Amino acid sequence: MPEAAPSEAEAVLAAHAALGASRPEPPLAGDEWETLTGYLDYHRATLAWKVQGLDAAGLGTRVGASSVTLGGLVKHLAYVEDEWAVRRFLGLERAEPWAGVDWGATPDWDWDSAAEDSPAELLALWEASVGRARSIYAEAYASAGLDAPLACTFPDGGRPSLRWLLVHLIEEYARHNGHADLLREAVDGSVGE
């Protein structure tokens, strides 16, 4: 009997499993765009590496009194990618699954609802969000450079640039990858950068 083709979910999991061996290093002598996007992609790949091969129980593991899980981190960072690229950079409305959430009543929905999703669903959601963000930022850079302004303004009236946003995302991933290190070690003892 011929083997069945892998499902989309299995293909997503396999692609993420390969990331540990192929995590991109940021360029040593790149220009500003290459360096910023290189570090962001390095941190994105680090998150994927930290969750590779885990089942729902592994993604749902908690440490101590914290409610943070690896699955919650993945869904939260999918939200972060879409929130900053689509809503704040382009100024468009949120799409699903974010649009239907009552954020006032459930401000931690992205973290809390991750337990309802399979590992493949979480990774596919995150991967799609990352793909959208990469495309949006590359197009903005090609047309206006790193000074391209976000559509949103801050309460003080300031309008951040694409440069600021990329640094912010690097910080967001770096902080959460520290959480991911601890959580993954609690799951199965795996440690590493």
Protein backbone atom coordinates (compact mmCIF):
# COMPACT_ATOMS: atom_id res chain seq x y z
CA MET A 1 0.00 0.00 0.00
CA PRO A 2 1.50 3.41 -0.95
CA GLU A 3 2.21 5.86 1.83
CA ALA A 4 -0.28 8.69 2.16
CA ALA A 5 1.00 12.16 1.47
CA PRO A 6 1.64 14.12 4.65
CA SER A 7 -1.18 16.36 5.76
CA GLU A 8 -0.69 20.12 5.81
CA ALA A 9 -0.32 19.93 9.59
CA GLU A 10 2.37 17.24 9.32
CA ALA A 11 4.18 19.31 6.68
CA VAL A 12 4.19 22.37 8.97
CA LEU A 13 5.56 20.30 11.87
CA ALA A 14 8.27 18.80 9.63
CA ALA A 15 9.31 22.23 8.37
CA HIS A 16 9.63 23.49 11.92
CA ALA A 17 11.60 20.42 12.98
CA ALA A 18 14.16 21.24 10.28
CA LEU A 19 14.70 24.74 11.69
CA GLY A 20 16.93 23.61 14.53
CA ALA A 21 19.56 22.54 12.01
CA SER A 22 19.09 25.52 9.72
CA ARG A 23 18.56 28.46 12.06
CA PRO A 24 19.84 31.51 10.17
CA GLU A 25 22.63 33.52 11.72
CA PRO A 26 22.41 37.30 11.37
CA PRO A 27 24.92 38.71 8.87
CA LEU A 28 28.26 39.79 10.29
CA ALA A 29 28.71 42.66 7.84
CA GLY A 30 25.23 43.39 6.51
CA ASP A 31 23.68 46.78 5.97
CA GLU A 32 21.12 48.06 8.46
CA TRP A 33 18.13 46.34 6.79
CA GLU A 34 19.97 43.01 6.49
CA THR A 35 21.14 43.20 10.10
CA LEU A 36 17.74 44.08 11.55
CA THR A 37 15.81 41.50 9.53
CA GLY A 38 18.61 38.98 10.08
CA TYR A 39 18.32 39.31 13.85
CA LEU A 40 14.52 39.20 13.70
CA ASP A 41 14.59 36.03 11.59
CA TYR A 42 17.19 34.52 13.92
CA HIS A 43 14.86 35.07 16.89
CA ARG A 44 11.84 33.80 14.95
CA ALA A 45 13.78 30.63 14.12
CA THR A 46 14.88 30.30 17.74
CA LEU A 47 11.23 30.23 18.84
CA ALA A 48 10.46 27.58 16.22
CA TRP A 49 13.44 25.55 17.42
CA LYS A 50 12.26 25.74 21.05
CA VAL A 51 8.84 24.30 20.19
CA GLN A 52 9.88 21.78 17.55
CA GLY A 53 8.66 18.25 18.09
CA LEU A 54 6.41 19.05 21.05
CA ASP A 55 2.93 17.67 21.42
CA ALA A 56 0.00 19.50 23.02
CA ALA A 57 1.10 18.47 26.51
CA GLY A 58 4.60 19.87 25.93
CA LEU A 59 3.22 23.12 24.53
CA GLY A 60 0.92 23.37 27.56
CA THR A 61 3.61 22.90 30.23
CA ARG A 62 3.83 25.65 32.86
CA VAL A 63 6.61 26.49 35.28
CA GLY A 64 5.88 27.52 38.86
CA ALA A 65 3.08 30.02 39.36
CA SER A 66 3.37 31.40 35.81
CA SER A 67 0.55 30.82 33.34
CA VAL A 68 2.96 31.16 30.37
CA THR A 69 3.22 28.13 28.07
CA LEU A 70 5.14 27.49 24.87
CA GLY A 71 1.83 27.21 23.01
CA GLY A 72 0.78 30.54 24.49
CA LEU A 73 4.07 32.09 23.38
CA VAL A 74 3.56 30.86 19.81
CA LYS A 75 0.01 32.20 19.61
CA HIS A 76 0.94 35.47 21.33
CA LEU A 77 3.80 36.04 18.86
CA ALA A 78 1.46 35.24 15.94
CA TYR A 79 -0.80 37.97 17.31
CA VAL A 80 2.16 40.35 17.78
CA GLU A 81 3.28 39.80 14.18
CA ASP A 82 -0.21 40.54 12.80
CA GLU A 83 -0.97 43.37 15.21
CA TRP A 84 2.16 45.31 14.33
CA ALA A 85 2.31 44.55 10.59
CA VAL A 86 -1.34 44.68 9.62
CA ARG A 87 -3.02 46.90 12.18
CA ARG A 88 -0.34 49.31 13.33
CA PHE A 89 1.94 49.49 10.27
CA LEU A 90 -0.68 49.35 7.52
CA GLY A 91 -3.58 50.70 9.58
CA LEU A 92 -5.95 47.90 8.55
CA GLU A 93 -8.53 46.15 10.72
CA ARG A 94 -7.67 42.92 12.49
CA ALA A 95 -8.43 39.71 10.60
CA GLU A 96 -9.50 36.42 12.17
CA PRO A 97 -8.78 34.90 14.56
CA TRP A 98 -8.02 38.26 16.19
CA ALA A 99 -11.03 40.25 14.90
CA GLY A 100 -13.64 38.23 16.77
CA VAL A 101 -11.98 38.57 20.17
CA ASP A 102 -13.40 40.85 22.85
CA TRP A 103 -9.98 42.10 23.96
CA GLY A 104 -11.50 44.25 26.70
CA ALA A 105 -13.08 41.20 28.35
CA THR A 106 -10.27 38.76 27.54
CA PRO A 107 -6.98 40.71 27.25
CA ASP A 108 -4.94 37.49 27.44
CA TRP A 109 -7.00 35.60 24.86
CA ASP A 110 -3.98 34.86 22.67
CA TRP A 111 -2.17 33.26 25.62
CA ASP A 112 -5.16 31.48 27.16
CA SER A 113 -6.82 30.12 24.01
CA ALA A 114 -3.66 28.40 22.76
CA ALA A 115 -4.54 25.30 24.79
CA GLU A 116 -7.53 24.78 22.46
CA ASP A 117 -5.31 24.59 19.36
CA SER A 118 -3.22 21.66 18.13
CA PRO A 119 0.53 22.10 17.77
CA ALA A 120 0.16 22.15 13.98
CA GLU A 121 -2.58 24.80 14.14
CA LEU A 122 -0.48 27.02 16.41
CA LEU A 123 2.59 26.74 14.21
CA ALA A 124 0.60 27.30 11.01
CA LEU A 125 -1.03 30.42 12.51
CA TRP A 126 2.36 31.78 13.60
CA GLU A 127 4.03 30.92 10.29
CA ALA A 128 1.28 32.66 8.30
CA SER A 129 1.57 35.75 10.51
CA VAL A 130 5.35 35.83 10.07
CA GLY A 131 4.96 35.46 6.29
CA ARG A 132 2.52 38.39 6.12
CA ALA A 133 4.78 40.57 8.26
CA ARG A 134 7.90 39.77 6.21
CA SER A 135 6.08 40.66 3.01
CA ILE A 136 4.67 43.93 4.40
CA TYR A 137 8.03 45.06 5.79
CA ALA A 138 9.97 44.14 2.65
CA GLU A 139 7.53 46.07 0.45
CA ALA A 140 7.68 49.10 2.77
CA TYR A 141 11.47 49.00 2.84
CA ALA A 142 11.65 48.76 -0.95
CA SER A 143 9.46 51.84 -1.36
CA ALA A 144 10.40 54.06 1.61
CA GLY A 145 13.35 52.53 3.45
CA LEU A 146 13.68 52.07 7.18
CA ASP A 147 12.21 55.52 7.79
CA ALA A 148 8.81 54.35 6.48
CA PRO A 149 6.28 55.50 9.10
CA LEU A 150 3.70 53.32 10.78
CA ALA A 151 0.06 54.21 10.17
CA CYS A 152 -0.58 54.43 13.89
CA THR A 153 0.50 57.22 16.17
CA PHE A 154 1.41 56.91 19.82
CA PRO A 155 -0.51 58.80 22.55
CA ASP A 156 2.16 61.54 22.52
CA GLY A 157 1.56 62.06 18.78
CA GLY A 158 4.79 60.34 17.74
CA ARG A 159 4.79 58.04 14.75
CA PRO A 160 7.41 55.28 14.87
CA SER A 161 9.37 54.14 11.85
CA LEU A 162 9.89 50.72 10.32
CA ARG A 163 13.37 50.79 11.91
CA TRP A 164 11.83 51.29 15.37
CA LEU A 165 9.32 48.51 14.72
CA LEU A 166 11.97 45.97 13.70
CA VAL A 167 14.00 46.74 16.83
CA HIS A 168 10.82 46.41 18.92
CA LEU A 169 10.06 43.00 17.40
CA ILE A 170 13.63 41.81 18.02
CA GLU A 171 13.21 42.84 21.67
CA GLU A 172 9.82 41.10 21.89
CA TYR A 173 11.19 37.83 20.51
CA ALA A 174 14.40 37.98 22.56
CA ARG A 175 12.43 38.42 25.79
CA HIS A 176 9.99 35.64 24.98
CA ASN A 177 12.75 33.32 23.78
CA GLY A 178 14.17 33.57 27.29
CA HIS A 179 10.83 32.30 28.57
CA ALA A 180 10.89 29.59 25.91
CA ASP A 181 14.33 28.41 27.10
CA LEU A 182 13.02 27.82 30.61
CA LEU A 183 9.79 26.21 29.46
CA ARG A 184 11.47 23.84 27.02
CA GLU A 185 13.95 22.76 29.68
CA ALA A 186 11.00 22.02 32.00
CA VAL A 187 9.34 19.91 29.32
CA ASP A 188 12.18 17.55 28.41
CA GLY A 189 15.48 18.94 29.65
CA SER A 190 16.45 20.39 26.26
CA VAL A 191 18.73 23.38 26.60
CA GLY A 192 20.60 25.57 24.18
CA GLU A 193 20.96 29.12 22.99
